Amino acid sequence: MREQDRLGDCTEGRFAGLSVRPWQATLGALLVCSCLARPAAQEAASPRHLSEMVVLGPDDFVMGTGIHPLEPLRRVTVGRFAIDRVEVTVAKYRTFLNAGGTVAKSGSADCNLGNPAMSDHPVNCVSWDEAEQYCRWSGTRLPTEVEWEYAARGPEGREYAWGAPMPSATRMNALDQSCVAADTALAADDAPFPWNDGFCTTAPVGRYPSGATPQGVLDLAGNVWEWTSSDCLVDEPTCSESHKILRGGGFWLSDPYVLRAAVRRAEPRAARSMMFGFRCAKSLD
């Protein structure tokens, strides 16, 4: 089964937003609101958050490659920021749900949230709004596309997050021989990689240390496509301000070209897929 045939998974359910539990109501609405709306500067000073993030910038760098219309070359400036070392896990997302966040279950076996064995895997099947809600709740935000690319390519413009070497089983989770046994049609249909990375769907975050950037950011290729905060503004008929950019590729890919760190993907903000996840960032200026 090809990637585009599987993207329809996990399309049911929408955020109902944050709710206040009965015990919280007794503290008074003003206290609850003040806790949920702490200033960004207060959050940025928290070592609990930064210990799980990598600090980058400020810098000027050349974004894009110029080899594809969706990767135009342009010089951009990125401020000082921190980005999650790994993708947001099921366990962390459950903490958000237990604190009052709600999301309808999709019913798909490929969505990690309902599987107790997937706690250390990236949460998937989330829309842009759900990802943004989680980051805001945690005192962070979704990374901009500029920040994401800087984290993945660095000022030197790396081909892949780890550098120039081609993808391999020790660097990332992608479509490979581990999936052929589960779906014999893959060999002819999707041309999987010849290796076995150990996982046919998502892998636990941080599983492939050889795929880290020189600064230590992990999982920027494969596993799940990651939502960014950036609008889709390229000149295409299917692109509009209701679309958001995803970066990083997903586990159901076996094309080294698509797994490059400069590749961009636009999807409606309400889109869900077993291959859509996210990580968070925060400004430090």
C-alpha atoms as a PDB file:
ATOM      1  CA  MET A   1       0.000   0.000   0.000  1.00  0.00           C
ATOM      2  CA  ARG A   2       1.416   3.408  -0.958  1.00  0.00           C
ATOM      3  CA  GLU A   3       1.772   6.320   1.434  1.00  0.00           C
ATOM      4  CA  GLN A   4      -1.008   8.335  -0.160  1.00  0.00           C
ATOM      5  CA  ASP A   5      -3.396   5.413   0.279  1.00  0.00           C
ATOM      6  CA  ARG A   6      -2.703   5.341   4.007  1.00  0.00           C
ATOM      7  CA  LEU A   7      -2.964   9.065   4.725  1.00  0.00           C
ATOM      8  CA  GLY A   8      -6.713   8.803   5.171  1.00  0.00           C
ATOM      9  CA  ASP A   9      -6.245   6.917   8.435  1.00  0.00           C
ATOM     10  CA  CYS A  10      -7.081   8.703  11.656  1.00  0.00           C
ATOM     11  CA  THR A  11      -9.310  11.394  10.158  1.00  0.00           C
ATOM     12  CA  GLU A  12     -12.009  11.261  12.783  1.00  0.00           C
ATOM     13  CA  GLY A  13     -12.207  13.379  15.923  1.00  0.00           C
ATOM     14  CA  ARG A  14     -11.500  17.002  16.729  1.00  0.00           C
ATOM     15  CA  PHE A  15     -10.170  18.880  19.713  1.00  0.00           C
ATOM     16  CA  ALA A  16     -12.789  19.895  22.245  1.00  0.00           C
ATOM     17  CA  GLY A  17     -10.233  22.272  23.797  1.00  0.00           C
ATOM     18  CA  LEU A  18      -9.037  22.565  27.348  1.00  0.00           C
ATOM     19  CA  SER A  19     -11.555  21.982  30.122  1.00  0.00           C
ATOM     20  CA  VAL A  20     -11.418  22.755  33.819  1.00  0.00           C
ATOM     21  CA  ARG A  21     -11.896  19.901  36.266  1.00  0.00           C
ATOM     22  CA  PRO A  22     -14.325  20.310  39.201  1.00  0.00           C
ATOM     23  CA  TRP A  23     -11.522  20.547  41.749  1.00  0.00           C
ATOM     24  CA  GLN A  24      -9.926  23.317  39.707  1.00  0.00           C
ATOM     25  CA  ALA A  25     -13.167  25.264  39.657  1.00  0.00           C
ATOM     26  CA  THR A  26     -13.014  25.581  43.428  1.00  0.00           C
ATOM     27  CA  LEU A  27      -9.791  27.539  43.103  1.00  0.00           C
ATOM     28  CA  GLY A  28     -11.559  30.184  41.116  1.00  0.00           C
ATOM     29  CA  ALA A  29     -11.554  31.019  37.436  1.00  0.00           C
ATOM     30  CA  LEU A  30      -8.960  33.745  37.798  1.00  0.00           C
ATOM     31  CA  LEU A  31      -6.401  31.419  39.373  1.00  0.00           C
ATOM     32  CA  VAL A  32      -6.912  28.779  36.699  1.00  0.00           C
ATOM     33  CA  CYS A  33      -6.570  31.300  33.880  1.00  0.00           C
ATOM     34  CA  SER A  34      -3.445  32.829  35.354  1.00  0.00           C
ATOM     35  CA  CYS A  35      -1.810  29.405  35.586  1.00  0.00           C
ATOM     36  CA  LEU A  36      -2.656  28.551  31.989  1.00  0.00           C
ATOM     37  CA  ALA A  37      -1.385  31.879  30.682  1.00  0.00           C
ATOM     38  CA  ARG A  38       2.046  32.162  32.279  1.00  0.00           C
ATOM     39  CA  PRO A  39       4.342  34.539  30.390  1.00  0.00           C
ATOM     40  CA  ALA A  40       6.743  33.039  27.870  1.00  0.00           C
ATOM     41  CA  ALA A  41       9.718  34.524  29.740  1.00  0.00           C
ATOM     42  CA  GLN A  42       8.768  32.597  32.890  1.00  0.00           C
ATOM     43  CA  GLU A  43       8.554  29.341  30.905  1.00  0.00           C
ATOM     44  CA  ALA A  44      11.869  30.021  29.123  1.00  0.00           C
ATOM     45  CA  ALA A  45      13.625  30.228  32.486  1.00  0.00           C
ATOM     46  CA  SER A  46      12.460  26.747  33.500  1.00  0.00           C
ATOM     47  CA  PRO A  47      15.343  24.225  33.403  1.00  0.00           C
ATOM     48  CA  ARG A  48      12.768  21.420  33.345  1.00  0.00           C
ATOM     49  CA  HIS A  49      11.791  22.426  29.827  1.00  0.00           C
ATOM     50  CA  LEU A  50      15.249  23.316  28.499  1.00  0.00           C
ATOM     51  CA  SER A  51      16.768  20.061  29.715  1.00  0.00           C
ATOM     52  CA  GLU A  52      14.641  18.283  27.115  1.00  0.00           C
ATOM     53  CA  MET A  53      15.466  20.755  24.363  1.00  0.00           C
ATOM     54  CA  VAL A  54      18.427  21.895  22.261  1.00  0.00           C
ATOM     55  CA  VAL A  55      19.268  25.602  22.172  1.00  0.00           C
ATOM     56  CA  LEU A  56      20.164  27.002  18.737  1.00  0.00           C
ATOM     57  CA  GLY A  57      20.787  30.364  17.056  1.00  0.00           C
ATOM     58  CA  PRO A  58      20.786  33.242  16.586  1.00  0.00           C
ATOM     59  CA  ASP A  59      22.112  33.055  13.045  1.00  0.00           C
ATOM     60  CA  ASP A  60      21.663  33.954   9.391  1.00  0.00           C
ATOM     61  CA  PHE A  61      21.576  31.064   6.939  1.00  0.00           C
ATOM     62  CA  VAL A  62      20.497  30.121   3.435  1.00  0.00           C
ATOM     63  CA  MET A  63      17.212  28.221   3.491  1.00  0.00           C
ATOM     64  CA  GLY A  64      16.213  25.894   0.660  1.00  0.00           C
ATOM     65  CA  THR A  65      18.235  24.187  -2.046  1.00  0.00           C
ATOM     66  CA  GLY A  66      17.095  25.704  -5.336  1.00  0.00           C
ATOM     67  CA  ILE A  67      16.763  22.227  -6.867  1.00  0.00           C
ATOM     68  CA  HIS A  68      12.969  22.153  -6.515  1.00  0.00           C
ATOM     69  CA  PRO A  69      10.328  24.923  -6.846  1.00  0.00           C
ATOM     70  CA  LEU A  70       9.184  24.216  -3.297  1.00  0.00           C
ATOM     71  CA  GLU A  71      12.737  24.696  -1.986  1.00  0.00           C
ATOM     72  CA  PRO A  72      13.637  28.221  -3.145  1.00  0.00           C
ATOM     73  CA  LEU A  73      16.958  29.639  -2.013  1.00  0.00           C
ATOM     74  CA  ARG A  74      16.628  32.593   0.352  1.00  0.00           C
ATOM     75  CA  ARG A  75      18.698  34.072   3.135  1.00  0.00           C
ATOM     76  CA  VAL A  76      16.808  34.187   6.418  1.00  0.00           C
ATOM     77  CA  THR A  77      17.471  35.138  10.015  1.00  0.00           C
ATOM     78  CA  VAL A  78      16.653  32.902  12.949  1.00  0.00           C
ATOM     79  CA  GLY A  79      16.611  34.131  16.531  1.00  0.00           C
ATOM     80  CA  ARG A  80      17.823  32.254  19.572  1.00  0.00           C
ATOM     81  CA  PHE A  81      15.401  29.402  20.249  1.00  0.00           C
ATOM     82  CA  ALA A  82      15.118  25.956  21.789  1.00  0.00           C
ATOM     83  CA  ILE A  83      13.604  22.942  20.064  1.00  0.00           C
ATOM     84  CA  ASP A  84      12.590  19.581  21.513  1.00  0.00           C
ATOM     85  CA  ARG A  85      15.361  17.003  21.281  1.00  0.00           C
ATOM     86  CA  VAL A  86      12.793  14.378  20.213  1.00  0.00           C
ATOM     87  CA  GLU A  87       9.191  14.286  19.017  1.00  0.00           C
ATOM     88  CA  VAL A  88       6.369  14.607  21.548  1.00  0.00           C
ATOM     89  CA  THR A  89       5.609  11.137  22.861  1.00  0.00           C
ATOM     90  CA  VAL A  90       2.353   9.383  23.614  1.00  0.00           C
ATOM     91  CA  ALA A  91       3.212   9.530  27.336  1.00  0.00           C
ATOM     92  CA  LYS A  92       3.652  13.307  27.273  1.00  0.00           C
ATOM     93  CA  TYR A  93       0.466  13.779  25.281  1.00  0.00           C
ATOM     94  CA  ARG A  94      -1.449  11.645  27.779  1.00  0.00           C
ATOM     95  CA  THR A  95      -0.266  13.999  30.515  1.00  0.00           C
ATOM     96  CA  PHE A  96      -1.853  16.821  28.554  1.00  0.00           C
ATOM     97  CA  LEU A  97      -5.085  14.855  28.249  1.00  0.00           C
ATOM     98  CA  ASN A  98      -5.100  14.097  31.975  1.00  0.00           C
ATOM     99  CA  ALA A  99      -4.715  17.819  32.664  1.00  0.00           C
ATOM    100  CA  GLY A 100      -7.908  18.578  30.767  1.00  0.00           C
ATOM    101  CA  GLY A 101      -7.111  18.320  27.076  1.00  0.00           C
ATOM    102  CA  THR A 102      -9.546  16.161  25.148  1.00  0.00           C
ATOM    103  CA  VAL A 103      -9.399  14.454  21.784  1.00  0.00           C
ATOM    104  CA  ALA A 104     -11.783  11.952  20.216  1.00  0.00           C
ATOM    105  CA  LYS A 105     -10.345   8.530  19.496  1.00  0.00           C
ATOM    106  CA  SER A 106     -10.016   7.726  15.819  1.00  0.00           C
ATOM    107  CA  GLY A 107     -10.417   3.971  16.236  1.00  0.00           C
ATOM    108  CA  SER A 108      -7.460   3.212  13.959  1.00  0.00           C
ATOM    109  CA  ALA A 109      -4.947   0.627  15.124  1.00  0.00           C
ATOM    110  CA  ASP A 110      -2.210   2.788  13.577  1.00  0.00           C
ATOM    111  CA  CYS A 111      -2.862   5.653  16.005  1.00  0.00           C
ATOM    112  CA  ASN A 112      -0.477   5.298  18.942  1.00  0.00           C
ATOM    113  CA  LEU A 113      -2.500   7.090  21.595  1.00  0.00           C
ATOM    114  CA  GLY A 114      -4.763   4.130  22.323  1.00  0.00           C
ATOM    115  CA  ASN A 115      -1.944   1.592  22.543  1.00  0.00           C
ATOM    116  CA  PRO A 116      -0.385   1.162  26.028  1.00  0.00           C
ATOM    117  CA  ALA A 117       2.762  -0.315  24.453  1.00  0.00           C
ATOM    118  CA  MET A 118       3.437   2.894  22.500  1.00  0.00           C
ATOM    119  CA  SER A 119       4.121   5.291  25.385  1.00  0.00           C
ATOM    120  CA  ASP A 120       7.629   6.106  24.163  1.00  0.00           C
ATOM    121  CA  HIS A 121       6.577   6.423  20.506  1.00  0.00           C
ATOM    122  CA  PRO A 122       5.647   9.766  18.948  1.00  0.00           C
ATOM    123  CA  VAL A 123       2.006  10.692  19.309  1.00  0.00           C
ATOM    124  CA  ASN A 124       0.497  10.598  15.820  1.00  0.00           C
ATOM    125  CA  CYS A 125      -2.883  11.107  14.144  1.00  0.00           C
ATOM    126  CA  VAL A 126      -2.931  14.688  15.472  1.00  0.00           C
ATOM    127  CA  SER A 127      -4.162  17.716  13.556  1.00  0.00           C
ATOM    128  CA  TRP A 128      -2.276  21.016  13.476  1.00  0.00           C
ATOM    129  CA  ASP A 129      -4.648  22.553  16.024  1.00  0.00           C
ATOM    130  CA  GLU A 130      -4.150  19.660  18.443  1.00  0.00           C
ATOM    131  CA  ALA A 131      -0.382  19.922  18.148  1.00  0.00           C
ATOM    132  CA  GLU A 132      -0.519  23.674  18.683  1.00  0.00           C
ATOM    133  CA  GLN A 133      -2.806  23.265  21.701  1.00  0.00           C
ATOM    134  CA  TYR A 134      -0.397  20.815  23.328  1.00  0.00           C
ATOM    135  CA  CYS A 135       2.629  23.053  22.810  1.00  0.00           C
ATOM    136  CA  ARG A 136       0.782  26.087  24.147  1.00  0.00           C
ATOM    137  CA  TRP A 137      -0.346  24.095  27.201  1.00  0.00           C
ATOM    138  CA  SER A 138       3.260  23.052  27.879  1.00  0.00           C
ATOM    139  CA  GLY A 139       4.506  26.651  27.735  1.00  0.00           C
ATOM    140  CA  THR A 140       6.018  26.267  24.285  1.00  0.00           C
ATOM    141  CA  ARG A 141       4.830  26.546  20.679  1.00  0.00           C
ATOM    142  CA  LEU A 142       5.220  24.793  17.357  1.00  0.00           C
ATOM    143  CA  PRO A 143       8.510  25.609  15.634  1.00  0.00           C
ATOM    144  CA  THR A 144       8.462  27.859  12.612  1.00  0.00           C
ATOM    145  CA  GLU A 145       9.527  26.282   9.345  1.00  0.00           C
ATOM    146  CA  VAL A 146      12.690  28.405   9.435  1.00  0.00           C
ATOM    147  CA  GLU A 147      13.561  27.111  12.906  1.00  0.00           C
ATOM    148  CA  TRP A 148      12.862  23.520  11.911  1.00  0.00           C
ATOM    149  CA  GLU A 149      15.094  23.720   8.845  1.00  0.00           C
ATOM    150  CA  TYR A 150      17.870  25.426  10.787  1.00  0.00           C
ATOM    151  CA  ALA A 151      17.729  22.640  13.381  1.00  0.00           C
ATOM    152  CA  ALA A 152      17.842  19.982  10.646  1.00  0.00           C
ATOM    153  CA  ARG A 153      20.334  21.511   8.197  1.00  0.00           C
ATOM    154  CA  GLY A 154      22.365  23.956  10.258  1.00  0.00           C
ATOM    155  CA  PRO A 155      24.141  26.976   8.793  1.00  0.00           C
ATOM    156  CA  GLU A 156      26.142  24.671   6.494  1.00  0.00           C
ATOM    157  CA  GLY A 157      22.988  23.363   4.728  1.00  0.00           C
ATOM    158  CA  ARG A 158      23.298  19.629   5.447  1.00  0.00           C
ATOM    159  CA  GLU A 159      21.648  17.233   2.990  1.00  0.00           C
ATOM    160  CA  TYR A 160      20.257  15.122   5.818  1.00  0.00           C
ATOM    161  CA  ALA A 161      19.915  15.963   9.487  1.00  0.00           C
ATOM    162  CA  TRP A 162      23.045  13.932  10.308  1.00  0.00           C
ATOM    163  CA  GLY A 163      25.074  15.170   7.324  1.00  0.00           C
ATOM    164  CA  ALA A 164      25.910  13.885   3.843  1.00  0.00           C
ATOM    165  CA  PRO A 165      25.775  10.044   4.207  1.00  0.00           C
ATOM    166  CA  MET A 166      22.725   8.330   2.748  1.00  0.00           C
ATOM    167  CA  PRO A 167      19.893   7.087   5.023  1.00  0.00           C
ATOM    168  CA  SER A 168      20.482   3.779   6.786  1.00  0.00           C
ATOM    169  CA  ALA A 169      18.935   1.489   9.398  1.00  0.00           C
ATOM    170  CA  THR A 170      21.048   3.061  12.151  1.00  0.00           C
ATOM    171  CA  ARG A 171      19.996   6.629  11.340  1.00  0.00           C
ATOM    172  CA  MET A 172      16.232   6.609  10.926  1.00  0.00           C
ATOM    173  CA  ASN A 173      12.935   4.723  10.821  1.00  0.00           C
ATOM    174  CA  ALA A 174      11.611   4.343   7.282  1.00  0.00           C
ATOM    175  CA  LEU A 175       9.879   1.845   5.004  1.00  0.00           C
ATOM    176  CA  ASP A 176      12.140  -1.212   4.840  1.00  0.00           C
ATOM    177  CA  GLN A 177      12.320  -4.984   5.034  1.00  0.00           C
ATOM    178  CA  SER A 178      10.752  -5.005   8.493  1.00  0.00           C
ATOM    179  CA  CYS A 179       7.496  -4.155   6.746  1.00  0.00           C
ATOM    180  CA  VAL A 180       7.726  -6.682   3.909  1.00  0.00           C
ATOM    181  CA  ALA A 181       6.810  -9.610   6.163  1.00  0.00           C
ATOM    182  CA  ALA A 182       3.683  -7.753   7.273  1.00  0.00           C
ATOM    183  CA  ASP A 183       2.663  -6.699   3.759  1.00  0.00           C
ATOM    184  CA  THR A 184       4.038  -8.832   0.943  1.00  0.00           C
ATOM    185  CA  ALA A 185       2.769  -6.349  -1.663  1.00  0.00           C
ATOM    186  CA  LEU A 186       5.378  -3.851  -0.528  1.00  0.00           C
ATOM    187  CA  ALA A 187       8.244  -5.380  -2.470  1.00  0.00           C
ATOM    188  CA  ALA A 188       6.730  -4.410  -5.827  1.00  0.00           C
ATOM    189  CA  ASP A 189       4.568  -1.502  -4.762  1.00  0.00           C
ATOM    190  CA  ASP A 190       6.760   0.689  -2.573  1.00  0.00           C
ATOM    191  CA  ALA A 191      10.349  -0.443  -3.158  1.00  0.00           C
ATOM    192  CA  PRO A 192      11.302  -0.543   0.532  1.00  0.00           C
ATOM    193  CA  PHE A 193      14.864   0.068   1.679  1.00  0.00           C
ATOM    194  CA  PRO A 194      16.961  -3.139   1.757  1.00  0.00           C
ATOM    195  CA  TRP A 195      17.732  -2.860   5.477  1.00  0.00           C
ATOM    196  CA  ASN A 196      15.696  -3.621   8.620  1.00  0.00           C
ATOM    197  CA  ASP A 197      15.416  -0.813  11.183  1.00  0.00           C
ATOM    198  CA  GLY A 198      13.250  -2.936  13.482  1.00  0.00           C
ATOM    199  CA  PHE A 199       9.910  -1.119  13.095  1.00  0.00           C
ATOM    200  CA  CYS A 200       7.193  -1.194  10.469  1.00  0.00           C
ATOM    201  CA  THR A 201       5.257   1.761  11.867  1.00  0.00           C
ATOM    202  CA  THR A 202       6.594   4.342  14.315  1.00  0.00           C
ATOM    203  CA  ALA A 203       9.704   3.723  16.410  1.00  0.00           C
ATOM    204  CA  PRO A 204      10.365   4.932  19.970  1.00  0.00           C
ATOM    205  CA  VAL A 205      11.728   8.467  19.934  1.00  0.00           C
ATOM    206  CA  GLY A 206      15.497   8.785  20.103  1.00  0.00           C
ATOM    207  CA  ARG A 207      15.971   5.222  18.902  1.00  0.00           C
ATOM    208  CA  TYR A 208      18.567   6.162  16.260  1.00  0.00           C
ATOM    209  CA  PRO A 209      21.379   8.235  17.836  1.00  0.00           C
ATOM    210  CA  SER A 210      23.435   8.015  14.625  1.00  0.00           C
ATOM    211  CA  GLY A 211      20.730  10.108  12.969  1.00  0.00           C
ATOM    212  CA  ALA A 212      21.159  13.036  15.364  1.00  0.00           C
ATOM    213  CA  THR A 213      22.267  16.450  14.196  1.00  0.00           C
ATOM    214  CA  PRO A 214      25.711  17.641  15.353  1.00  0.00           C
ATOM    215  CA  GLN A 215      23.843  19.632  18.028  1.00  0.00           C
ATOM    216  CA  GLY A 216      21.951  16.553  19.267  1.00  0.00           C
ATOM    217  CA  VAL A 217      18.447  16.919  17.796  1.00  0.00           C
ATOM    218  CA  LEU A 218      17.006  13.484  16.987  1.00  0.00           C
ATOM    219  CA  ASP A 219      14.383  12.014  14.639  1.00  0.00           C
ATOM    220  CA  LEU A 220      14.347  14.857  12.112  1.00  0.00           C
ATOM    221  CA  ALA A 221      14.100  12.311   9.289  1.00  0.00           C
ATOM    222  CA  GLY A 222      11.553   9.505   9.129  1.00  0.00           C
ATOM    223  CA  ASN A 223       9.274   8.282  11.933  1.00  0.00           C
ATOM    224  CA  VAL A 224       6.595  11.015  11.569  1.00  0.00           C
ATOM    225  CA  TRP A 225       6.134  14.172   9.533  1.00  0.00           C
ATOM    226  CA  GLU A 226       6.202  17.110  11.957  1.00  0.00           C
ATOM    227  CA  TRP A 227       3.808  20.051  11.973  1.00  0.00           C
ATOM    228  CA  THR A 228       5.309  23.536  11.956  1.00  0.00           C
ATOM    229  CA  SER A 229       3.569  26.808  12.731  1.00  0.00           C
ATOM    230  CA  SER A 230       4.166  28.143   9.213  1.00  0.00           C
ATOM    231  CA  ASP A 231       1.455  28.736   6.644  1.00  0.00           C
ATOM    232  CA  CYS A 232       1.661  27.249   3.182  1.00  0.00           C
ATOM    233  CA  LEU A 233       2.272  30.227   0.932  1.00  0.00           C
ATOM    234  CA  VAL A 234       3.805  28.667  -2.167  1.00  0.00           C
ATOM    235  CA  ASP A 235       2.125  29.391  -5.503  1.00  0.00           C
ATOM    236  CA  GLU A 236       0.152  26.199  -6.046  1.00  0.00           C
ATOM    237  CA  PRO A 237      -3.591  25.694  -6.720  1.00  0.00           C
ATOM    238  CA  THR A 238      -3.943  23.311  -3.757  1.00  0.00           C
ATOM    239  CA  CYS A 239      -2.149  25.601  -1.323  1.00  0.00           C
ATOM    240  CA  SER A 240      -3.888  28.199   0.824  1.00  0.00           C
ATOM    241  CA  GLU A 241      -3.594  29.841   4.208  1.00  0.00           C
ATOM    242  CA  SER A 242      -5.604  26.953   5.672  1.00  0.00           C
ATOM    243  CA  HIS A 243      -2.633  24.716   4.900  1.00  0.00           C
ATOM    244  CA  LYS A 244       0.356  24.291   7.188  1.00  0.00           C
ATOM    245  CA  ILE A 245       3.833  23.001   6.461  1.00  0.00           C
ATOM    246  CA  LEU A 246       5.107  19.652   7.727  1.00  0.00           C
ATOM    247  CA  ARG A 247       8.753  18.633   7.682  1.00  0.00           C
ATOM    248  CA  GLY A 248      10.869  15.528   8.167  1.00  0.00           C
ATOM    249  CA  GLY A 249       9.243  12.675   6.261  1.00  0.00           C
ATOM    250  CA  GLY A 250       7.511   9.659   7.779  1.00  0.00           C
ATOM    251  CA  PHE A 251       8.013   5.964   8.430  1.00  0.00           C
ATOM    252  CA  TRP A 252       6.191   4.968   5.233  1.00  0.00           C
ATOM    253  CA  LEU A 253       8.791   6.491   2.917  1.00  0.00           C
ATOM    254  CA  SER A 254      11.625   4.775   1.078  1.00  0.00           C
ATOM    255  CA  ASP A 255      12.872   7.542  -1.211  1.00  0.00           C
ATOM    256  CA  PRO A 256      16.119   9.185  -0.037  1.00  0.00           C
ATOM    257  CA  TYR A 257      15.194  12.311  -1.998  1.00  0.00           C
ATOM    258  CA  VAL A 258      11.979  12.833  -0.004  1.00  0.00           C
ATOM    259  CA  LEU A 259      13.791  12.229   3.275  1.00  0.00           C
ATOM    260  CA  ARG A 260      16.179  15.153   2.724  1.00  0.00           C
ATOM    261  CA  ALA A 261      16.091  17.861   5.397  1.00  0.00           C
ATOM    262  CA  ALA A 262      14.950  20.537   2.929  1.00  0.00           C
ATOM    263  CA  VAL A 263      11.780  18.747   1.777  1.00  0.00           C
ATOM    264  CA  ARG A 264       8.501  20.536   2.526  1.00  0.00           C
ATOM    265  CA  ARG A 265       4.947  19.232   2.628  1.00  0.00           C
ATOM    266  CA  ALA A 266       1.693  21.221   2.822  1.00  0.00           C
ATOM    267  CA  GLU A 267      -1.494  19.813   4.325  1.00  0.00           C
ATOM    268  CA  PRO A 268      -4.790  21.291   5.582  1.00  0.00           C
ATOM    269  CA  ARG A 269      -4.512  22.106   9.271  1.00  0.00           C
ATOM    270  CA  ALA A 270      -7.357  19.666  10.019  1.00  0.00           C
ATOM    271  CA  ALA A 271      -5.559  16.766   8.309  1.00  0.00           C
ATOM    272  CA  ARG A 272      -4.658  13.693  10.321  1.00  0.00           C
ATOM    273  CA  SER A 273      -2.472  10.737   9.491  1.00  0.00           C
ATOM    274  CA  MET A 274      -0.705   7.939  11.277  1.00  0.00           C
ATOM    275  CA  MET A 275       2.444   9.639   9.952  1.00  0.00           C
ATOM    276  CA  PHE A 276       1.737  13.141  11.346  1.00  0.00           C
ATOM    277  CA  GLY A 277       3.275  14.127  14.678  1.00  0.00           C
ATOM    278  CA  PHE A 278       5.137  17.132  16.078  1.00  0.00           C
ATOM    279  CA  ARG A 279       7.714  18.590  18.437  1.00  0.00           C
ATOM    280  CA  CYS A 280       7.668  21.943  20.219  1.00  0.00           C
ATOM    281  CA  ALA A 281       9.957  24.966  20.389  1.00  0.00           C
ATOM    282  CA  LYS A 282      10.285  28.230  22.299  1.00  0.00           C
ATOM    283  CA  SER A 283      11.837  31.633  21.721  1.00  0.00           C
ATOM    284  CA  LEU A 284      14.761  32.577  23.963  1.00  0.00           C
ATOM    285  CA  ASP A 285      15.438  36.143  22.800  1.00  0.00           C
END
